[in-house]
């Protein structure tokens, strides 16, 4: 299996978990924070969708994040005045998943070795390193979503 195929598998699993974590979650529940130090599910979903668009752009896609302008100054949950509807956000997520699978499938091994201007602090500054970090980042937030889901009294996420 190629590295690109491995990334496709990881992001597909993450995508299925992301969609499933919102099963039986309504907009009101998604916007509730377990406490004032914790993010809400919708905030994490919006952040994760933004990261997906970042990945797409890193891969050369011209896909535009429909939330970028409205949330460009958001750095923390307290900066958000209004959220998109969860159903709308999930529809965007599924769209990014299709685009991401396509872009990853087009990757050549040489491209994965190319340097990026990815600005996070980790040793591997290649596209492979950036994708590895971003896959882990996405997994981390999906785990948070699962925990918040349980906090709200809902069943564990199914694969």
C-alpha atoms as a PDB file:
ATOM      1  CA  UNK A   1       0.000   0.000   0.000  1.00  0.00           C
ATOM      2  CA  UNK A   2       1.355   3.424  -0.923  1.00  0.00           C
ATOM      3  CA  UNK A   3       1.632   6.299   1.543  1.00  0.00           C
ATOM      4  CA  UNK A   4      -1.160   8.104  -0.319  1.00  0.00           C
ATOM      5  CA  UNK A   5      -3.421   5.058   0.058  1.00  0.00           C
ATOM      6  CA  UNK A   6      -2.591   4.923   3.762  1.00  0.00           C
ATOM      7  CA  UNK A   7      -3.613   8.563   4.148  1.00  0.00           C
ATOM      8  CA  UNK A   8      -6.834   7.877   2.239  1.00  0.00           C
ATOM      9  CA  UNK A   9      -7.619   5.024   4.654  1.00  0.00           C
ATOM     10  CA  UNK A  10      -6.915   7.147   7.728  1.00  0.00           C
ATOM     11  CA  UNK A  11      -8.959  10.101   6.541  1.00  0.00           C
ATOM     12  CA  UNK A  12     -11.836   7.829   5.439  1.00  0.00           C
ATOM     13  CA  UNK A  13     -11.969   6.233   8.899  1.00  0.00           C
ATOM     14  CA  UNK A  14     -11.840   9.671  10.486  1.00  0.00           C
ATOM     15  CA  UNK A  15     -14.582  10.911   8.219  1.00  0.00           C
ATOM     16  CA  UNK A  16     -16.893   8.022   9.085  1.00  0.00           C
ATOM     17  CA  UNK A  17     -16.254   8.588  12.788  1.00  0.00           C
ATOM     18  CA  UNK A  18     -16.808  12.335  12.389  1.00  0.00           C
ATOM     19  CA  UNK A  19     -20.212  11.806  10.765  1.00  0.00           C
ATOM     20  CA  UNK A  20     -21.174   9.080  13.250  1.00  0.00           C
ATOM     21  CA  UNK A  21     -20.221  11.154  16.288  1.00  0.00           C
ATOM     22  CA  UNK A  22     -23.081  13.508  15.365  1.00  0.00           C
ATOM     23  CA  UNK A  23     -25.720  10.773  15.084  1.00  0.00           C
ATOM     24  CA  UNK A  24     -28.719  11.836  17.205  1.00  0.00           C
ATOM     25  CA  UNK A  25     -27.048  15.171  18.028  1.00  0.00           C
ATOM     26  CA  UNK A  26     -29.180  18.260  17.423  1.00  0.00           C
ATOM     27  CA  UNK A  27     -27.988  21.854  17.061  1.00  0.00           C
ATOM     28  CA  UNK A  28     -28.775  22.677  20.676  1.00  0.00           C
ATOM     29  CA  UNK A  29     -26.768  19.743  22.029  1.00  0.00           C
ATOM     30  CA  UNK A  30     -23.912  20.428  19.592  1.00  0.00           C
ATOM     31  CA  UNK A  31     -23.606  23.988  20.888  1.00  0.00           C
ATOM     32  CA  UNK A  32     -23.566  23.077  24.602  1.00  0.00           C
ATOM     33  CA  UNK A  33     -20.220  23.155  26.355  1.00  0.00           C
ATOM     34  CA  UNK A  34     -19.562  20.680  29.174  1.00  0.00           C
ATOM     35  CA  UNK A  35     -18.080  23.636  31.094  1.00  0.00           C
ATOM     36  CA  UNK A  36     -16.608  27.065  30.421  1.00  0.00           C
ATOM     37  CA  UNK A  37     -13.135  25.602  29.836  1.00  0.00           C
ATOM     38  CA  UNK A  38     -14.289  23.073  27.240  1.00  0.00           C
ATOM     39  CA  UNK A  39     -15.218  23.469  23.592  1.00  0.00           C
ATOM     40  CA  UNK A  40     -18.624  22.551  22.211  1.00  0.00           C
ATOM     41  CA  UNK A  41     -19.127  19.889  19.578  1.00  0.00           C
ATOM     42  CA  UNK A  42     -20.077  22.440  16.932  1.00  0.00           C
ATOM     43  CA  UNK A  43     -16.956  24.505  17.628  1.00  0.00           C
ATOM     44  CA  UNK A  44     -14.770  21.412  17.218  1.00  0.00           C
ATOM     45  CA  UNK A  45     -16.667  20.462  14.062  1.00  0.00           C
ATOM     46  CA  UNK A  46     -16.149  23.921  12.574  1.00  0.00           C
ATOM     47  CA  UNK A  47     -12.448  23.820  13.466  1.00  0.00           C
ATOM     48  CA  UNK A  48     -12.074  20.328  11.987  1.00  0.00           C
ATOM     49  CA  UNK A  49     -13.826  21.364   8.771  1.00  0.00           C
ATOM     50  CA  UNK A  50     -11.515  24.370   8.527  1.00  0.00           C
ATOM     51  CA  UNK A  51      -8.521  22.036   8.908  1.00  0.00           C
ATOM     52  CA  UNK A  52      -9.904  19.828   6.108  1.00  0.00           C
ATOM     53  CA  UNK A  53      -9.997  22.839   3.789  1.00  0.00           C
ATOM     54  CA  UNK A  54      -6.442  23.652   4.850  1.00  0.00           C
ATOM     55  CA  UNK A  55      -5.376  20.119   3.865  1.00  0.00           C
ATOM     56  CA  UNK A  56      -7.153  20.427   0.521  1.00  0.00           C
ATOM     57  CA  UNK A  57      -5.372  23.704  -0.200  1.00  0.00           C
ATOM     58  CA  UNK A  58      -2.049  22.177   0.877  1.00  0.00           C
ATOM     59  CA  UNK A  59      -2.689  19.490  -1.762  1.00  0.00           C
ATOM     60  CA  UNK A  60      -3.279  22.118  -4.450  1.00  0.00           C
ATOM     61  CA  UNK A  61      -7.065  22.207  -4.410  1.00  0.00           C
ATOM     62  CA  UNK A  62      -8.786  25.506  -5.028  1.00  0.00           C
ATOM     63  CA  UNK A  63     -11.694  24.467  -2.767  1.00  0.00           C
ATOM     64  CA  UNK A  64     -13.001  27.413  -0.773  1.00  0.00           C
ATOM     65  CA  UNK A  65     -14.037  27.076   2.834  1.00  0.00           C
ATOM     66  CA  UNK A  66     -17.561  28.536   2.930  1.00  0.00           C
ATOM     67  CA  UNK A  67     -17.009  29.530   6.573  1.00  0.00           C
ATOM     68  CA  UNK A  68     -13.595  31.165   6.164  1.00  0.00           C
ATOM     69  CA  UNK A  69     -14.764  34.745   5.835  1.00  0.00           C
ATOM     70  CA  UNK A  70     -17.335  34.656   8.624  1.00  0.00           C
ATOM     71  CA  UNK A  71     -14.953  32.995  11.092  1.00  0.00           C
ATOM     72  CA  UNK A  72     -11.617  34.487   9.961  1.00  0.00           C
ATOM     73  CA  UNK A  73     -11.030  36.292  13.270  1.00  0.00           C
ATOM     74  CA  UNK A  74     -12.059  33.389  15.512  1.00  0.00           C
ATOM     75  CA  UNK A  75      -9.200  32.165  17.701  1.00  0.00           C
ATOM     76  CA  UNK A  76     -11.212  30.694  20.558  1.00  0.00           C
ATOM     77  CA  UNK A  77     -14.769  29.615  21.244  1.00  0.00           C
ATOM     78  CA  UNK A  78     -15.670  32.909  22.900  1.00  0.00           C
ATOM     79  CA  UNK A  79     -15.044  34.688  19.575  1.00  0.00           C
ATOM     80  CA  UNK A  80     -17.926  32.858  17.846  1.00  0.00           C
ATOM     81  CA  UNK A  81     -21.193  34.787  17.720  1.00  0.00           C
ATOM     82  CA  UNK A  82     -23.251  32.344  15.646  1.00  0.00           C
ATOM     83  CA  UNK A  83     -22.698  28.823  14.334  1.00  0.00           C
ATOM     84  CA  UNK A  84     -23.791  27.237  11.075  1.00  0.00           C
ATOM     85  CA  UNK A  85     -26.474  24.579  11.303  1.00  0.00           C
ATOM     86  CA  UNK A  86     -25.022  21.177  12.095  1.00  0.00           C
ATOM     87  CA  UNK A  87     -26.741  19.585   9.091  1.00  0.00           C
ATOM     88  CA  UNK A  88     -25.124  22.169   6.800  1.00  0.00           C
ATOM     89  CA  UNK A  89     -21.701  21.626   8.360  1.00  0.00           C
ATOM     90  CA  UNK A  90     -21.979  17.850   7.965  1.00  0.00           C
ATOM     91  CA  UNK A  91     -22.892  18.306   4.301  1.00  0.00           C
ATOM     92  CA  UNK A  92     -19.729  20.389   3.832  1.00  0.00           C
ATOM     93  CA  UNK A  93     -17.703  17.742   5.671  1.00  0.00           C
ATOM     94  CA  UNK A  94     -18.890  15.035   3.283  1.00  0.00           C
ATOM     95  CA  UNK A  95     -18.000  17.282   0.344  1.00  0.00           C
ATOM     96  CA  UNK A  96     -14.470  17.801   1.677  1.00  0.00           C
ATOM     97  CA  UNK A  97     -14.129  14.062   2.210  1.00  0.00           C
ATOM     98  CA  UNK A  98     -14.848  13.344  -1.449  1.00  0.00           C
ATOM     99  CA  UNK A  99     -12.431  16.078  -2.556  1.00  0.00           C
ATOM    100  CA  UNK A 100      -9.735  14.913  -0.143  1.00  0.00           C
ATOM    101  CA  UNK A 101      -9.973  11.301  -1.312  1.00  0.00           C
ATOM    102  CA  UNK A 102      -9.609  12.488  -4.912  1.00  0.00           C
ATOM    103  CA  UNK A 103      -6.621  14.767  -4.190  1.00  0.00           C
ATOM    104  CA  UNK A 104      -4.838  12.143  -2.086  1.00  0.00           C
ATOM    105  CA  UNK A 105      -5.400   9.568  -4.830  1.00  0.00           C
ATOM    106  CA  UNK A 106      -3.594  11.846  -7.283  1.00  0.00           C
ATOM    107  CA  UNK A 107      -0.480  12.171  -5.110  1.00  0.00           C
ATOM    108  CA  UNK A 108       2.830  10.828  -6.374  1.00  0.00           C
ATOM    109  CA  UNK A 109       5.528   9.576  -3.950  1.00  0.00           C
ATOM    110  CA  UNK A 110       7.834  12.418  -5.020  1.00  0.00           C
ATOM    111  CA  UNK A 111       5.213  15.004  -4.021  1.00  0.00           C
ATOM    112  CA  UNK A 112       5.018  13.561  -0.508  1.00  0.00           C
ATOM    113  CA  UNK A 113       8.756  14.185  -0.132  1.00  0.00           C
ATOM    114  CA  UNK A 114       8.480  17.833  -1.186  1.00  0.00           C
ATOM    115  CA  UNK A 115       9.009  20.568   1.388  1.00  0.00           C
ATOM    116  CA  UNK A 116       6.010  22.624   2.526  1.00  0.00           C
ATOM    117  CA  UNK A 117       5.582  25.957   4.223  1.00  0.00           C
ATOM    118  CA  UNK A 118       3.507  24.220   6.901  1.00  0.00           C
ATOM    119  CA  UNK A 119       4.194  26.286  10.016  1.00  0.00           C
ATOM    120  CA  UNK A 120       3.586  23.866  12.870  1.00  0.00           C
ATOM    121  CA  UNK A 121       6.511  22.767  14.992  1.00  0.00           C
ATOM    122  CA  UNK A 122       7.523  19.249  14.131  1.00  0.00           C
ATOM    123  CA  UNK A 123      10.655  17.902  12.501  1.00  0.00           C
ATOM    124  CA  UNK A 124       9.259  16.634   9.183  1.00  0.00           C
ATOM    125  CA  UNK A 125       8.590  19.662   6.970  1.00  0.00           C
ATOM    126  CA  UNK A 126       7.592  17.554   3.949  1.00  0.00           C
ATOM    127  CA  UNK A 127       4.080  17.138   2.635  1.00  0.00           C
ATOM    128  CA  UNK A 128       4.136  13.641   4.166  1.00  0.00           C
ATOM    129  CA  UNK A 129       4.972  15.158   7.563  1.00  0.00           C
ATOM    130  CA  UNK A 130       2.262  17.800   7.254  1.00  0.00           C
ATOM    131  CA  UNK A 131      -0.364  15.217   6.301  1.00  0.00           C
ATOM    132  CA  UNK A 132       0.746  12.976   9.172  1.00  0.00           C
ATOM    133  CA  UNK A 133       0.404  15.830  11.641  1.00  0.00           C
ATOM    134  CA  UNK A 134      -2.977  16.909  10.257  1.00  0.00           C
ATOM    135  CA  UNK A 135      -4.331  13.338  10.321  1.00  0.00           C
ATOM    136  CA  UNK A 136      -3.294  13.082  13.989  1.00  0.00           C
ATOM    137  CA  UNK A 137      -4.807  16.520  14.670  1.00  0.00           C
ATOM    138  CA  UNK A 138      -8.101  15.442  13.137  1.00  0.00           C
ATOM    139  CA  UNK A 139      -8.107  12.164  15.091  1.00  0.00           C
ATOM    140  CA  UNK A 140      -7.460  14.065  18.313  1.00  0.00           C
ATOM    141  CA  UNK A 141     -10.500  16.293  17.783  1.00  0.00           C
ATOM    142  CA  UNK A 142     -12.715  13.370  16.804  1.00  0.00           C
ATOM    143  CA  UNK A 143     -11.747  11.783  20.115  1.00  0.00           C
ATOM    144  CA  UNK A 144     -12.763  14.975  21.896  1.00  0.00           C
ATOM    145  CA  UNK A 145     -16.084  14.925  20.058  1.00  0.00           C
ATOM    146  CA  UNK A 146     -16.682  11.350  21.190  1.00  0.00           C
ATOM    147  CA  UNK A 147     -15.997  12.268  24.796  1.00  0.00           C
ATOM    148  CA  UNK A 148     -18.337  15.278  24.665  1.00  0.00           C
ATOM    149  CA  UNK A 149     -20.967  13.075  23.054  1.00  0.00           C
ATOM    150  CA  UNK A 150     -20.798  10.707  26.046  1.00  0.00           C
ATOM    151  CA  UNK A 151     -20.928  13.703  28.393  1.00  0.00           C
ATOM    152  CA  UNK A 152     -24.265  14.648  26.808  1.00  0.00           C
ATOM    153  CA  UNK A 153     -25.626  11.182  27.635  1.00  0.00           C
ATOM    154  CA  UNK A 154     -25.425   9.723  24.132  1.00  0.00           C
ATOM    155  CA  UNK A 155     -24.104   6.284  23.185  1.00  0.00           C
ATOM    156  CA  UNK A 156     -20.518   5.703  22.148  1.00  0.00           C
ATOM    157  CA  UNK A 157     -19.602   6.332  18.539  1.00  0.00           C
ATOM    158  CA  UNK A 158     -19.977   3.376  16.185  1.00  0.00           C
ATOM    159  CA  UNK A 159     -17.587   2.664  13.359  1.00  0.00           C
END
